[in-house]
Amino acid sequence: MAQVTDYKLHRVLARFPWRRRKPRSAQKGRPPIGVTFREGQKMWADPRDLAEFEDPGPALVCVAMHADATAHELLRALVEHHAGQRGIDLPSEVPGITTAGLVVLTSLIEAAGLDPDHAMGPHALGDLLTATWAIAAAQQPTAAPV
């Protein structure tokens, strides 16, 4: 489970209504997203709720903090959800969805008020999200989407 130590990212994550109890979404094939805040408090979210939340900031920070299949599925669901809301059609082929998704991702980072140059370890936040999107776009959607 990722831990938040950066105050700016902590404020972004605090915008989402996290749960103290672990959701049972794992039964549907979607493991829950877990975050440990600076105070040591463990909080949880269902990936679908996080992807569909009106503020994309908490989901984007979670994606940057988690480098696993759950983060890939979360980012794919986030981009697909917001592309649909903005009337952007995502093609099904890999080069097209990657390019169209980058446009959506850039606008989500801006809408969330995140600095793409903000350092997360040795990498910038924008670079982590772009690389994660490239992986997520290249993967086939799973049978149990976020």
Protein backbone atom coordinates (compact mmCIF):
# COMPACT_ATOMS: atom_id res chain seq x y z
CA MET A 1 0.00 0.00 0.00
CA ALA A 2 1.43 3.37 -0.98
CA GLN A 3 2.12 6.03 1.62
CA VAL A 4 1.66 9.75 1.16
CA THR A 5 4.49 11.86 2.55
CA ASP A 6 4.23 14.90 0.27
CA TYR A 7 1.97 17.61 1.70
CA LYS A 8 0.75 18.82 -1.72
CA LEU A 9 -0.23 15.31 -2.79
CA HIS A 10 -1.79 14.68 0.62
CA ARG A 11 -4.10 17.67 0.04
CA VAL A 12 -5.07 16.34 -3.40
CA LEU A 13 -5.87 12.88 -2.03
CA ALA A 14 -7.91 14.40 0.81
CA ARG A 15 -10.46 15.67 -1.74
CA PHE A 16 -11.84 12.15 -2.18
CA PRO A 17 -14.19 10.62 0.44
CA TRP A 18 -11.98 7.70 1.50
CA ARG A 19 -13.36 4.84 3.60
CA ARG A 20 -11.91 3.44 6.78
CA ARG A 21 -13.08 -0.06 5.88
CA LYS A 22 -11.73 -2.03 2.97
CA PRO A 23 -14.43 -2.27 0.27
CA ARG A 24 -15.49 -5.67 -0.98
CA SER A 25 -14.84 -4.82 -4.60
CA ALA A 26 -12.15 -7.51 -4.73
CA GLN A 27 -14.99 -10.01 -5.06
CA LYS A 28 -15.84 -8.44 -8.42
CA GLY A 29 -12.30 -8.85 -9.68
CA ARG A 30 -11.26 -5.31 -8.79
CA PRO A 31 -8.89 -5.00 -5.84
CA PRO A 32 -9.50 -1.87 -3.77
CA ILE A 33 -7.11 1.07 -3.82
CA GLY A 34 -5.36 1.57 -0.50
CA VAL A 35 -3.51 4.62 0.77
CA THR A 36 -1.66 5.16 4.04
CA PHE A 37 -1.70 8.81 5.02
CA ARG A 38 1.13 10.55 6.90
CA GLU A 39 -0.56 9.96 10.24
CA GLY A 40 -0.43 6.20 9.59
CA GLN A 41 -4.15 6.02 8.87
CA LYS A 42 -5.06 3.42 6.24
CA MET A 43 -7.91 4.42 3.94
CA TRP A 44 -9.59 2.61 1.05
CA ALA A 45 -11.52 3.29 -2.13
CA ASP A 46 -13.34 1.26 -4.73
CA PRO A 47 -11.55 1.81 -8.06
CA ARG A 48 -14.83 2.54 -9.90
CA ASP A 49 -15.79 5.24 -7.38
CA LEU A 50 -12.32 6.78 -7.62
CA ALA A 51 -12.36 6.78 -11.45
CA GLU A 52 -15.83 8.33 -11.61
CA PHE A 53 -15.23 10.99 -8.94
CA GLU A 54 -15.72 14.49 -10.35
CA ASP A 55 -12.21 15.58 -9.34
CA PRO A 56 -9.62 13.50 -11.23
CA GLY A 57 -6.80 14.56 -8.89
CA PRO A 58 -7.05 11.79 -6.28
CA ALA A 59 -7.21 9.08 -8.95
CA LEU A 60 -4.24 10.54 -10.82
CA VAL A 61 -2.14 10.68 -7.65
CA CYS A 62 -3.10 7.08 -6.82
CA VAL A 63 -2.08 5.97 -10.29
CA ALA A 64 1.29 7.68 -9.91
CA MET A 65 1.80 6.06 -6.49
CA HIS A 66 0.84 2.52 -7.55
CA ALA A 67 2.79 0.83 -10.31
CA ASP A 68 0.66 -2.25 -10.76
CA ALA A 69 -2.17 -3.69 -12.82
CA THR A 70 -4.74 -1.98 -10.59
CA ALA A 71 -3.20 1.41 -11.43
CA HIS A 72 -3.31 0.58 -15.14
CA GLU A 73 -6.98 -0.36 -14.95
CA LEU A 74 -7.77 2.69 -12.83
CA LEU A 75 -6.11 5.05 -15.31
CA ARG A 76 -7.81 3.38 -18.27
CA ALA A 77 -11.21 3.69 -16.54
CA LEU A 78 -10.48 7.30 -15.61
CA VAL A 79 -9.53 8.28 -19.16
CA GLU A 80 -12.48 6.41 -20.69
CA HIS A 81 -14.92 7.97 -18.20
CA HIS A 82 -13.73 11.54 -18.74
CA ALA A 83 -13.35 11.11 -22.51
CA GLY A 84 -17.01 10.08 -22.65
CA GLN A 85 -18.02 13.10 -20.58
CA ARG A 86 -16.05 15.43 -22.85
CA GLY A 87 -17.36 13.89 -26.07
CA ILE A 88 -13.97 12.52 -27.11
CA ASP A 89 -14.15 9.22 -28.95
CA LEU A 90 -11.35 6.83 -28.02
CA PRO A 91 -10.39 4.55 -30.92
CA SER A 92 -9.98 0.86 -30.24
CA GLU A 93 -6.56 0.44 -31.92
CA VAL A 94 -3.46 1.05 -29.83
CA PRO A 95 -1.78 3.99 -31.55
CA GLY A 96 -5.07 5.91 -31.75
CA ILE A 97 -6.22 5.30 -28.18
CA THR A 98 -2.79 6.20 -26.84
CA THR A 99 -2.74 9.55 -28.63
CA ALA A 100 -6.36 10.45 -27.84
CA GLY A 101 -5.90 9.34 -24.25
CA LEU A 102 -2.87 11.60 -23.84
CA VAL A 103 -5.04 14.57 -24.80
CA VAL A 104 -7.59 13.57 -22.15
CA LEU A 105 -4.85 12.85 -19.60
CA THR A 106 -3.24 16.26 -20.13
CA SER A 107 -6.58 17.98 -19.60
CA LEU A 108 -7.23 15.89 -16.45
CA ILE A 109 -3.88 16.86 -14.96
CA GLU A 110 -4.68 20.50 -15.66
CA ALA A 111 -8.25 20.21 -14.31
CA ALA A 112 -6.94 18.62 -11.10
CA GLY A 113 -4.51 21.49 -10.57
CA LEU A 114 -1.53 19.15 -10.50
CA ASP A 115 1.95 20.22 -11.54
CA PRO A 116 3.21 17.71 -14.14
CA ASP A 117 6.79 18.59 -13.15
CA HIS A 118 6.19 17.76 -9.46
CA ALA A 119 8.82 15.20 -8.40
CA MET A 120 7.66 11.80 -7.19
CA GLY A 121 10.88 10.08 -6.36
CA PRO A 122 13.28 10.38 -9.30
CA HIS A 123 10.50 11.05 -11.84
CA ALA A 124 8.07 13.84 -12.60
CA LEU A 125 4.36 13.24 -11.95
CA GLY A 126 3.48 13.91 -15.60
CA ASP A 127 6.08 11.42 -16.81
CA LEU A 128 4.79 8.71 -14.47
CA LEU A 129 1.21 9.24 -15.63
CA THR A 130 2.20 9.30 -19.31
CA ALA A 131 4.19 6.08 -18.99
CA THR A 132 1.38 4.41 -17.06
CA TRP A 133 -1.13 5.49 -19.70
CA ALA A 134 1.07 4.06 -22.48
CA ILE A 135 1.02 0.68 -20.71
CA ALA A 136 -2.70 0.88 -19.88
CA ALA A 137 -3.64 1.85 -23.44
CA ALA A 138 -1.64 -1.03 -24.91
CA GLN A 139 -3.36 -3.62 -22.71
CA GLN A 140 -6.65 -5.17 -23.64
CA PRO A 141 -9.49 -4.19 -21.29
CA THR A 142 -10.12 -6.89 -18.71
CA ALA A 143 -13.38 -8.80 -18.39
CA ALA A 144 -14.16 -7.00 -15.11
CA PRO A 145 -13.44 -3.32 -15.87
CA VAL A 146 -12.95 -0.80 -13.11
